[in-house]
Amino acid sequence: RQAPGKQREAVAAINHDNSARYADSVRGRFTISYDTTK
């Protein structure tokens, strides 16, 4: 994500085996997921 006048920052990431990690600012509030069928 990027807000006007600010640097782009990472929010969350997930890989092919569903391992995920989150930025400290969103951990516990945001959830990343991937639907392979869709």
PDB file of all heavy atoms in Angstrom:
ATOM      1  N   ARG A   1       0.828  -1.192   0.000  1.00  0.00           N
ATOM      2  CA  ARG A   1       0.000   0.000   0.000  1.00  0.00           C
ATOM      3  C   ARG A   1       0.866   1.248   0.000  1.00  0.00           C
ATOM      4  O   ARG A   1       2.001   1.239   0.455  1.00  0.00           O
ATOM      5  CB  ARG A   1      -0.947   0.009   1.203  1.00  0.00           C
ATOM      6  CG  ARG A   1      -0.249   0.123   2.552  1.00  0.00           C
ATOM      7  CD  ARG A   1      -1.258  -0.054   3.685  1.00  0.00           C
ATOM      8  NE  ARG A   1      -0.648   0.121   4.997  1.00  0.00           N
ATOM      9  CZ  ARG A   1      -1.269  -0.087   6.146  1.00  0.00           C
ATOM     10  NH1 ARG A   1      -2.548  -0.481   6.144  1.00  0.00           N
ATOM     11  NH2 ARG A   1      -0.634   0.099   7.296  1.00  0.00           N
ATOM     12  N   GLN A   2       0.284   2.332  -0.516  1.00  0.00           N
ATOM     13  CA  GLN A   2       0.988   3.599  -0.556  1.00  0.00           C
ATOM     14  C   GLN A   2      -0.002   4.740  -0.397  1.00  0.00           C
ATOM     15  O   GLN A   2      -0.979   4.836  -1.139  1.00  0.00           O
ATOM     16  CB  GLN A   2       1.764   3.763  -1.862  1.00  0.00           C
ATOM     17  CG  GLN A   2       2.647   5.002  -1.895  1.00  0.00           C
ATOM     18  CD  GLN A   2       3.594   5.002  -3.073  1.00  0.00           C
ATOM     19  OE1 GLN A   2       3.331   4.385  -4.103  1.00  0.00           O
ATOM     20  NE2 GLN A   2       4.715   5.695  -2.927  1.00  0.00           N
ATOM     21  N   ALA A   3       0.267   5.600   0.574  1.00  0.00           N
ATOM     22  CA  ALA A   3      -0.523   6.792   0.796  1.00  0.00           C
ATOM     23  C   ALA A   3       0.190   7.981   0.158  1.00  0.00           C
ATOM     24  O   ALA A   3       1.413   7.962   0.002  1.00  0.00           O
ATOM     25  CB  ALA A   3      -0.726   7.028   2.287  1.00  0.00           C
ATOM     26  N   PRO A   4      -0.544   9.031  -0.222  1.00  0.00           N
ATOM     27  CA  PRO A   4       0.088  10.206  -0.837  1.00  0.00           C
ATOM     28  C   PRO A   4       1.194  10.780   0.030  1.00  0.00           C
ATOM     29  O   PRO A   4       1.015  10.981   1.231  1.00  0.00           O
ATOM     30  CB  PRO A   4      -1.078  11.183  -0.973  1.00  0.00           C
ATOM     31  CG  PRO A   4      -2.287  10.315  -1.075  1.00  0.00           C
ATOM     32  CD  PRO A   4      -2.005   9.162  -0.145  1.00  0.00           C
ATOM     33  N   GLY A   5       2.353  11.018  -0.579  1.00  0.00           N
ATOM     34  CA  GLY A   5       3.472  11.596   0.133  1.00  0.00           C
ATOM     35  C   GLY A   5       4.257  10.631   0.996  1.00  0.00           C
ATOM     36  O   GLY A   5       5.192  11.049   1.682  1.00  0.00           O
ATOM     37  N   LYS A   6       3.895   9.357   0.972  1.00  0.00           N
ATOM     38  CA  LYS A   6       4.583   8.374   1.787  1.00  0.00           C
ATOM     39  C   LYS A   6       5.185   7.271   0.923  1.00  0.00           C
ATOM     40  O   LYS A   6       4.776   7.068  -0.218  1.00  0.00           O
ATOM     41  CB  LYS A   6       3.630   7.756   2.805  1.00  0.00           C
ATOM     42  CG  LYS A   6       3.074   8.734   3.831  1.00  0.00           C
ATOM     43  CD  LYS A   6       2.210   8.017   4.856  1.00  0.00           C
ATOM     44  CE  LYS A   6       1.693   8.977   5.908  1.00  0.00           C
ATOM     45  NZ  LYS A   6       0.855   8.277   6.917  1.00  0.00           N
ATOM     46  N   GLN A   7       6.154   6.566   1.479  1.00  0.00           N
ATOM     47  CA  GLN A   7       6.766   5.440   0.794  1.00  0.00           C
ATOM     48  C   GLN A   7       5.795   4.266   0.742  1.00  0.00           C
ATOM     49  O   GLN A   7       4.954   4.096   1.623  1.00  0.00           O
ATOM     50  CB  GLN A   7       8.051   5.015   1.510  1.00  0.00           C
ATOM     51  CG  GLN A   7       9.174   6.039   1.475  1.00  0.00           C
ATOM     52  CD  GLN A   7       9.843   6.100   0.127  1.00  0.00           C
ATOM     53  OE1 GLN A   7       9.794   5.153  -0.656  1.00  0.00           O
ATOM     54  NE2 GLN A   7      10.481   7.227  -0.162  1.00  0.00           N
ATOM     55  N   ARG A   8       5.943   3.463  -0.297  1.00  0.00           N
ATOM     56  CA  ARG A   8       5.162   2.240  -0.380  1.00  0.00           C
ATOM     57  C   ARG A   8       5.607   1.284   0.719  1.00  0.00           C
ATOM     58  O   ARG A   8       6.799   1.157   0.997  1.00  0.00           O
ATOM     59  CB  ARG A   8       5.353   1.587  -1.755  1.00  0.00           C
ATOM     60  CG  ARG A   8       4.558   0.307  -1.951  1.00  0.00           C
ATOM     61  CD  ARG A   8       4.673  -0.197  -3.380  1.00  0.00           C
ATOM     62  NE  ARG A   8       6.043  -0.510  -3.729  1.00  0.00           N
ATOM     63  CZ  ARG A   8       6.461  -0.704  -4.976  1.00  0.00           C
ATOM     64  NH1 ARG A   8       5.612  -0.592  -5.987  1.00  0.00           N
ATOM     65  NH2 ARG A   8       7.734  -0.996  -5.206  1.00  0.00           N
ATOM     66  N   GLU A   9       4.665   0.625   1.350  1.00  0.00           N
ATOM     67  CA  GLU A   9       4.991  -0.315   2.398  1.00  0.00           C
ATOM     68  C   GLU A   9       4.297  -1.650   2.161  1.00  0.00           C
ATOM     69  O   GLU A   9       3.199  -1.714   1.610  1.00  0.00           O
ATOM     70  CB  GLU A   9       4.603   0.237   3.771  1.00  0.00           C
ATOM     71  CG  GLU A   9       3.116   0.454   3.967  1.00  0.00           C
ATOM     72  CD  GLU A   9       2.764   0.884   5.384  1.00  0.00           C
ATOM     73  OE1 GLU A   9       3.599   0.682   6.293  1.00  0.00           O
ATOM     74  OE2 GLU A   9       1.658   1.417   5.583  1.00  0.00           O
ATOM     75  N   ALA A  10       4.958  -2.700   2.593  1.00  0.00           N
ATOM     76  CA  ALA A  10       4.388  -4.033   2.475  1.00  0.00           C
ATOM     77  C   ALA A  10       3.317  -4.238   3.537  1.00  0.00           C
ATOM     78  O   ALA A  10       3.411  -3.711   4.652  1.00  0.00           O
ATOM     79  CB  ALA A  10       5.479  -5.092   2.615  1.00  0.00           C
ATOM     80  N   VAL A  11       2.308  -5.013   3.184  1.00  0.00           N
ATOM     81  CA  VAL A  11       1.216  -5.320   4.096  1.00  0.00           C
ATOM     82  C   VAL A  11       1.247  -6.789   4.504  1.00  0.00           C
ATOM     83  O   VAL A  11       1.252  -7.112   5.694  1.00  0.00           O
ATOM     84  CB  VAL A  11      -0.144  -4.981   3.463  1.00  0.00           C
ATOM     85  CG1 VAL A  11      -1.285  -5.402   4.379  1.00  0.00           C
ATOM     86  CG2 VAL A  11      -0.220  -3.496   3.149  1.00  0.00           C
ATOM     87  N   ALA A  12       1.270  -7.681   3.511  1.00  0.00           N
ATOM     88  CA  ALA A  12       1.232  -9.108   3.783  1.00  0.00           C
ATOM     89  C   ALA A  12       1.738  -9.875   2.583  1.00  0.00           C
ATOM     90  O   ALA A  12       1.697  -9.380   1.460  1.00  0.00           O
ATOM     91  CB  ALA A  12      -0.194  -9.558   4.129  1.00  0.00           C
ATOM     92  N   ALA A  13       2.208 -11.103   2.807  1.00  0.00           N
ATOM     93  CA  ALA A  13       2.704 -11.945   1.735  1.00  0.00           C
ATOM     94  C   ALA A  13       2.344 -13.395   2.005  1.00  0.00           C
ATOM     95  O   ALA A  13       2.232 -13.814   3.164  1.00  0.00           O
ATOM     96  CB  ALA A  13       4.221 -11.801   1.581  1.00  0.00           C
ATOM     97  N   ILE A  14       2.175 -14.160   0.921  1.00  0.00           N
ATOM     98  CA  ILE A  14       1.858 -15.577   1.029  1.00  0.00           C
ATOM     99  C   ILE A  14       2.512 -16.308  -0.136  1.00  0.00           C
ATOM    100  O   ILE A  14       2.584 -15.774  -1.244  1.00  0.00           O
ATOM    101  CB  ILE A  14       0.325 -15.800   1.045  1.00  0.00           C
ATOM    102  CG1 ILE A  14      -0.018 -17.261   1.350  1.00  0.00           C
ATOM    103  CG2 ILE A  14      -0.303 -15.355  -0.268  1.00  0.00           C
ATOM    104  CD1 ILE A  14      -1.502 -17.472   1.646  1.00  0.00           C
ATOM    105  N   ASN A  15       3.012 -17.525   0.099  1.00  0.00           N
ATOM    106  CA  ASN A  15       3.633 -18.272  -0.987  1.00  0.00           C
ATOM    107  C   ASN A  15       2.797 -19.493  -1.369  1.00  0.00           C
ATOM    108  O   ASN A  15       1.698 -19.702  -0.856  1.00  0.00           O
ATOM    109  CB  ASN A  15       5.079 -18.645  -0.638  1.00  0.00           C
ATOM    110  CG  ASN A  15       5.186 -19.687   0.468  1.00  0.00           C
ATOM    111  OD1 ASN A  15       4.196 -20.226   0.952  1.00  0.00           O
ATOM    112  ND2 ASN A  15       6.423 -19.982   0.867  1.00  0.00           N
ATOM    113  N   HIS A  16       3.346 -20.307  -2.281  1.00  0.00           N
ATOM    114  CA  HIS A  16       2.580 -21.407  -2.864  1.00  0.00           C
ATOM    115  C   HIS A  16       2.188 -22.494  -1.873  1.00  0.00           C
ATOM    116  O   HIS A  16       1.252 -23.245  -2.137  1.00  0.00           O
ATOM    117  CB  HIS A  16       3.372 -22.031  -4.014  1.00  0.00           C
ATOM    118  CG  HIS A  16       4.711 -22.556  -3.605  1.00  0.00           C
ATOM    119  ND1 HIS A  16       5.798 -21.746  -3.405  1.00  0.00           N
ATOM    120  CD2 HIS A  16       5.120 -23.816  -3.347  1.00  0.00           C
ATOM    121  CE1 HIS A  16       6.842 -22.476  -3.052  1.00  0.00           C
ATOM    122  NE2 HIS A  16       6.448 -23.741  -3.008  1.00  0.00           N
ATOM    123  N   ASP A  17       2.905 -22.607  -0.761  1.00  0.00           N
ATOM    124  CA  ASP A  17       2.536 -23.602   0.242  1.00  0.00           C
ATOM    125  C   ASP A  17       1.768 -22.980   1.410  1.00  0.00           C
ATOM    126  O   ASP A  17       1.663 -23.567   2.481  1.00  0.00           O
ATOM    127  CB  ASP A  17       3.764 -24.367   0.740  1.00  0.00           C
ATOM    128  CG  ASP A  17       4.798 -23.495   1.411  1.00  0.00           C
ATOM    129  OD1 ASP A  17       4.520 -22.315   1.662  1.00  0.00           O
ATOM    130  OD2 ASP A  17       5.901 -24.003   1.683  1.00  0.00           O
ATOM    131  N   ASN A  18       1.245 -21.765   1.193  1.00  0.00           N
ATOM    132  CA  ASN A  18       0.373 -21.055   2.126  1.00  0.00           C
ATOM    133  C   ASN A  18       1.061 -20.527   3.377  1.00  0.00           C
ATOM    134  O   ASN A  18       0.386 -20.184   4.355  1.00  0.00           O
ATOM    135  CB  ASN A  18      -0.826 -21.916   2.516  1.00  0.00           C
ATOM    136  CG  ASN A  18      -1.789 -22.112   1.371  1.00  0.00           C
ATOM    137  OD1 ASN A  18      -2.115 -21.176   0.654  1.00  0.00           O
ATOM    138  ND2 ASN A  18      -2.248 -23.350   1.192  1.00  0.00           N
ATOM    139  N   SER A  19       2.375 -20.451   3.352  1.00  0.00           N
ATOM    140  CA  SER A  19       3.072 -19.759   4.424  1.00  0.00           C
ATOM    141  C   SER A  19       2.852 -18.260   4.255  1.00  0.00           C
ATOM    142  O   SER A  19       2.930 -17.745   3.139  1.00  0.00           O
ATOM    143  CB  SER A  19       4.563 -20.077   4.397  1.00  0.00           C
ATOM    144  OG  SER A  19       4.795 -21.451   4.654  1.00  0.00           O
ATOM    145  N   ALA A  20       2.582 -17.563   5.332  1.00  0.00           N
ATOM    146  CA  ALA A  20       2.259 -16.144   5.252  1.00  0.00           C
ATOM    147  C   ALA A  20       2.995 -15.342   6.315  1.00  0.00           C
ATOM    148  O   ALA A  20       3.385 -15.881   7.353  1.00  0.00           O
ATOM    149  CB  ALA A  20       0.755 -15.933   5.403  1.00  0.00           C
ATOM    150  N   ARG A  21       3.169 -14.063   6.047  1.00  0.00           N
ATOM    151  CA  ARG A  21       3.726 -13.155   7.026  1.00  0.00           C
ATOM    152  C   ARG A  21       3.086 -11.787   6.860  1.00  0.00           C
ATOM    153  O   ARG A  21       2.557 -11.464   5.784  1.00  0.00           O
ATOM    154  CB  ARG A  21       5.249 -13.075   6.930  1.00  0.00           C
ATOM    155  CG  ARG A  21       5.787 -12.483   5.653  1.00  0.00           C
ATOM    156  CD  ARG A  21       7.305 -12.554   5.636  1.00  0.00           C
ATOM    157  NE  ARG A  21       7.890 -11.865   6.774  1.00  0.00           N
ATOM    158  CZ  ARG A  21       9.184 -11.893   7.105  1.00  0.00           C
ATOM    159  NH1 ARG A  21      10.027 -12.614   6.378  1.00  0.00           N
ATOM    160  NH2 ARG A  21       9.627 -11.228   8.154  1.00  0.00           N
ATOM    161  N   TYR A  22       3.128 -10.992   7.923  1.00  0.00           N
ATOM    162  CA  TYR A  22       2.434  -9.717   7.955  1.00  0.00           C
ATOM    163  C   TYR A  22       3.309  -8.610   8.499  1.00  0.00           C
ATOM    164  O   TYR A  22       4.202  -8.845   9.319  1.00  0.00           O
ATOM    165  CB  TYR A  22       1.183  -9.818   8.834  1.00  0.00           C
ATOM    166  CG  TYR A  22       0.177 -10.830   8.350  1.00  0.00           C
ATOM    167  CD1 TYR A  22       0.258 -12.168   8.742  1.00  0.00           C
ATOM    168  CD2 TYR A  22      -0.851 -10.454   7.495  1.00  0.00           C
ATOM    169  CE1 TYR A  22      -0.659 -13.102   8.291  1.00  0.00           C
ATOM    170  CE2 TYR A  22      -1.775 -11.384   7.040  1.00  0.00           C
ATOM    171  CZ  TYR A  22      -1.674 -12.703   7.440  1.00  0.00           C
ATOM    172  OH  TYR A  22      -2.588 -13.625   6.987  1.00  0.00           O
ATOM    173  N   ALA A  23       3.028  -7.398   8.044  1.00  0.00           N
ATOM    174  CA  ALA A  23       3.659  -6.236   8.637  1.00  0.00           C
ATOM    175  C   ALA A  23       3.151  -6.073  10.066  1.00  0.00           C
ATOM    176  O   ALA A  23       2.006  -6.421  10.380  1.00  0.00           O
ATOM    177  CB  ALA A  23       3.339  -4.986   7.826  1.00  0.00           C
ATOM    178  N   ASP A  24       3.995  -5.543  10.936  1.00  0.00           N
ATOM    179  CA  ASP A  24       3.607  -5.381  12.333  1.00  0.00           C
ATOM    180  C   ASP A  24       2.346  -4.527  12.489  1.00  0.00           C
ATOM    181  O   ASP A  24       1.539  -4.762  13.393  1.00  0.00           O
ATOM    182  CB  ASP A  24       4.751  -4.742  13.125  1.00  0.00           C
ATOM    183  CG  ASP A  24       5.932  -5.670  13.304  1.00  0.00           C
ATOM    184  OD1 ASP A  24       5.774  -6.890  13.135  1.00  0.00           O
ATOM    185  OD2 ASP A  24       7.030  -5.166  13.619  1.00  0.00           O
ATOM    186  N   SER A  25       2.174  -3.560  11.601  1.00  0.00           N
ATOM    187  CA  SER A  25       1.061  -2.638  11.716  1.00  0.00           C
ATOM    188  C   SER A  25      -0.300  -3.266  11.439  1.00  0.00           C
ATOM    189  O   SER A  25      -1.330  -2.703  11.817  1.00  0.00           O
ATOM    190  CB  SER A  25       1.267  -1.442  10.779  1.00  0.00           C
ATOM    191  OG  SER A  25       1.351  -1.872   9.432  1.00  0.00           O
ATOM    192  N   VAL A  26      -0.315  -4.437  10.774  1.00  0.00           N
ATOM    193  CA  VAL A  26      -1.587  -5.064  10.418  1.00  0.00           C
ATOM    194  C   VAL A  26      -1.776  -6.444  11.031  1.00  0.00           C
ATOM    195  O   VAL A  26      -2.870  -7.011  10.928  1.00  0.00           O
ATOM    196  CB  VAL A  26      -1.755  -5.175   8.889  1.00  0.00           C
ATOM    197  CG1 VAL A  26      -1.555  -3.817   8.229  1.00  0.00           C
ATOM    198  CG2 VAL A  26      -0.795  -6.204   8.307  1.00  0.00           C
ATOM    199  N   ARG A  27      -0.760  -6.971  11.655  1.00  0.00           N
ATOM    200  CA  ARG A  27      -0.846  -8.311  12.235  1.00  0.00           C
ATOM    201  C   ARG A  27      -1.974  -8.390  13.260  1.00  0.00           C
ATOM    202  O   ARG A  27      -2.095  -7.538  14.135  1.00  0.00           O
ATOM    203  CB  ARG A  27       0.481  -8.698  12.879  1.00  0.00           C
ATOM    204  CG  ARG A  27       0.528 -10.161  13.363  1.00  0.00           C
ATOM    205  CD  ARG A  27       1.913 -10.547  13.890  1.00  0.00           C
ATOM    206  NE  ARG A  27       2.920 -10.506  12.841  1.00  0.00           N
ATOM    207  CZ  ARG A  27       3.875  -9.589  12.763  1.00  0.00           C
ATOM    208  NH1 ARG A  27       3.953  -8.631  13.677  1.00  0.00           N
ATOM    209  NH2 ARG A  27       4.740  -9.633  11.774  1.00  0.00           N
ATOM    210  N   GLY A  28      -2.808  -9.410  13.122  1.00  0.00           N
ATOM    211  CA  GLY A  28      -3.946  -9.570  14.003  1.00  0.00           C
ATOM    212  C   GLY A  28      -5.209  -8.921  13.490  1.00  0.00           C
ATOM    213  O   GLY A  28      -6.305  -9.206  14.004  1.00  0.00           O
ATOM    214  N   ARG A  29      -5.084  -8.046  12.486  1.00  0.00           N
ATOM    215  CA  ARG A  29      -6.241  -7.376  11.906  1.00  0.00           C
ATOM    216  C   ARG A  29      -6.505  -7.808  10.462  1.00  0.00           C
ATOM    217  O   ARG A  29      -7.653  -7.883  10.038  1.00  0.00           O
ATOM    218  CB  ARG A  29      -6.058  -5.860  11.931  1.00  0.00           C
ATOM    219  CG  ARG A  29      -5.906  -5.273  13.327  1.00  0.00           C
ATOM    220  CD  ARG A  29      -5.934  -3.749  13.286  1.00  0.00           C
ATOM    221  NE  ARG A  29      -4.813  -3.198  12.528  1.00  0.00           N
ATOM    222  CZ  ARG A  29      -4.942  -2.407  11.460  1.00  0.00           C
ATOM    223  NH1 ARG A  29      -6.147  -2.071  11.020  1.00  0.00           N
ATOM    224  NH2 ARG A  29      -3.861  -1.934  10.845  1.00  0.00           N
ATOM    225  N   PHE A  30      -5.443  -8.080   9.705  1.00  0.00           N
ATOM    226  CA  PHE A  30      -5.557  -8.448   8.292  1.00  0.00           C
ATOM    227  C   PHE A  30      -5.225  -9.921   8.107  1.00  0.00           C
ATOM    228  O   PHE A  30      -4.395 -10.479   8.823  1.00  0.00           O
ATOM    229  CB  PHE A  30      -4.593  -7.631   7.434  1.00  0.00           C
ATOM    230  CG  PHE A  30      -4.909  -6.164   7.321  1.00  0.00           C
ATOM    231  CD1 PHE A  30      -5.893  -5.564   8.094  1.00  0.00           C
ATOM    232  CD2 PHE A  30      -4.200  -5.375   6.424  1.00  0.00           C
ATOM    233  CE1 PHE A  30      -6.174  -4.212   7.993  1.00  0.00           C
ATOM    234  CE2 PHE A  30      -4.475  -4.022   6.302  1.00  0.00           C
ATOM    235  CZ  PHE A  30      -5.457  -3.439   7.088  1.00  0.00           C
ATOM    236  N   THR A  31      -5.848 -10.543   7.096  1.00  0.00           N
ATOM    237  CA  THR A  31      -5.571 -11.924   6.748  1.00  0.00           C
ATOM    238  C   THR A  31      -5.418 -12.056   5.239  1.00  0.00           C
ATOM    239  O   THR A  31      -6.302 -11.644   4.488  1.00  0.00           O
ATOM    240  CB  THR A  31      -6.695 -12.866   7.219  1.00  0.00           C
ATOM    241  OG1 THR A  31      -6.872 -12.749   8.633  1.00  0.00           O
ATOM    242  CG2 THR A  31      -6.346 -14.316   6.883  1.00  0.00           C
ATOM    243  N   ILE A  32      -4.307 -12.636   4.793  1.00  0.00           N
ATOM    244  CA  ILE A  32      -4.070 -12.861   3.377  1.00  0.00           C
ATOM    245  C   ILE A  32      -4.363 -14.327   3.058  1.00  0.00           C
ATOM    246  O   ILE A  32      -4.061 -15.219   3.850  1.00  0.00           O
ATOM    247  CB  ILE A  32      -2.628 -12.487   2.979  1.00  0.00           C
ATOM    248  CG1 ILE A  32      -2.440 -12.550   1.460  1.00  0.00           C
ATOM    249  CG2 ILE A  32      -1.602 -13.362   3.692  1.00  0.00           C
ATOM    250  CD1 ILE A  32      -1.104 -11.985   0.980  1.00  0.00           C
ATOM    251  N   SER A  33      -4.964 -14.576   1.890  1.00  0.00           N
ATOM    252  CA  SER A  33      -5.271 -15.934   1.475  1.00  0.00           C
ATOM    253  C   SER A  33      -5.317 -16.008  -0.039  1.00  0.00           C
ATOM    254  O   SER A  33      -5.434 -14.987  -0.719  1.00  0.00           O
ATOM    255  CB  SER A  33      -6.598 -16.415   2.073  1.00  0.00           C
ATOM    256  OG  SER A  33      -7.680 -15.611   1.632  1.00  0.00           O
ATOM    257  N   TYR A  34      -5.234 -17.233  -0.577  1.00  0.00           N
ATOM    258  CA  TYR A  34      -5.278 -17.427  -2.020  1.00  0.00           C
ATOM    259  C   TYR A  34      -6.166 -18.609  -2.356  1.00  0.00           C
ATOM    260  O   TYR A  34      -6.010 -19.697  -1.792  1.00  0.00           O
ATOM    261  CB  TYR A  34      -3.870 -17.655  -2.593  1.00  0.00           C
ATOM    262  CG  TYR A  34      -3.841 -17.789  -4.094  1.00  0.00           C
ATOM    263  CD1 TYR A  34      -4.097 -16.701  -4.906  1.00  0.00           C
ATOM    264  CD2 TYR A  34      -3.565 -19.019  -4.697  1.00  0.00           C
ATOM    265  CE1 TYR A  34      -4.083 -16.811  -6.286  1.00  0.00           C
ATOM    266  CE2 TYR A  34      -3.551 -19.136  -6.078  1.00  0.00           C
ATOM    267  CZ  TYR A  34      -3.812 -18.036  -6.869  1.00  0.00           C
ATOM    268  OH  TYR A  34      -3.800 -18.147  -8.239  1.00  0.00           O
ATOM    269  N   ASP A  35      -7.101 -18.398  -3.274  1.00  0.00           N
ATOM    270  CA  ASP A  35      -8.001 -19.435  -3.753  1.00  0.00           C
ATOM    271  C   ASP A  35      -7.482 -19.910  -5.100  1.00  0.00           C
ATOM    272  O   ASP A  35      -7.569 -19.184  -6.091  1.00  0.00           O
ATOM    273  CB  ASP A  35      -9.423 -18.887  -3.886  1.00  0.00           C
ATOM    274  CG  ASP A  35     -10.443 -19.959  -4.212  1.00  0.00           C
ATOM    275  OD1 ASP A  35     -10.135 -20.860  -5.015  1.00  0.00           O
ATOM    276  OD2 ASP A  35     -11.554 -19.895  -3.669  1.00  0.00           O
ATOM    277  N   THR A  36      -6.946 -21.126  -5.150  1.00  0.00           N
ATOM    278  CA  THR A  36      -6.339 -21.627  -6.380  1.00  0.00           C
ATOM    279  C   THR A  36      -7.364 -21.866  -7.483  1.00  0.00           C
ATOM    280  O   THR A  36      -7.062 -21.715  -8.660  1.00  0.00           O
ATOM    281  CB  THR A  36      -5.562 -22.925  -6.115  1.00  0.00           C
ATOM    282  OG1 THR A  36      -6.428 -23.908  -5.541  1.00  0.00           O
ATOM    283  CG2 THR A  36      -4.406 -22.676  -5.160  1.00  0.00           C
ATOM    284  N   THR A  37      -8.575 -22.246  -7.118  1.00  0.00           N
ATOM    285  CA  THR A  37      -9.619 -22.501  -8.106  1.00  0.00           C
ATOM    286  C   THR A  37     -10.040 -21.214  -8.809  1.00  0.00           C
ATOM    287  O   THR A  37     -10.194 -21.175 -10.032  1.00  0.00           O
ATOM    288  CB  THR A  37     -10.844 -23.157  -7.462  1.00  0.00           C
ATOM    289  OG1 THR A  37     -10.467 -24.407  -6.870  1.00  0.00           O
ATOM    290  CG2 THR A  37     -11.919 -23.418  -8.506  1.00  0.00           C
ATOM    291  N   LYS A  38     -10.230 -20.162  -8.038  1.00  0.00           N
ATOM    292  CA  LYS A  38     -10.642 -18.880  -8.595  1.00  0.00           C
ATOM    293  C   LYS A  38      -9.470 -18.022  -9.049  1.00  0.00           C
ATOM    294  O   LYS A  38      -9.676 -16.958  -9.632  1.00  0.00           O
ATOM    295  CB  LYS A  38     -11.457 -18.108  -7.559  1.00  0.00           C
ATOM    296  CG  LYS A  38     -12.755 -18.791  -7.164  1.00  0.00           C
ATOM    297  CD  LYS A  38     -13.519 -17.955  -6.152  1.00  0.00           C
ATOM    298  CE  LYS A  38     -14.827 -18.614  -5.779  1.00  0.00           C
ATOM    299  NZ  LYS A  38     -15.581 -17.820  -4.776  1.00  0.00           N
TER     300      LYS A  38
END
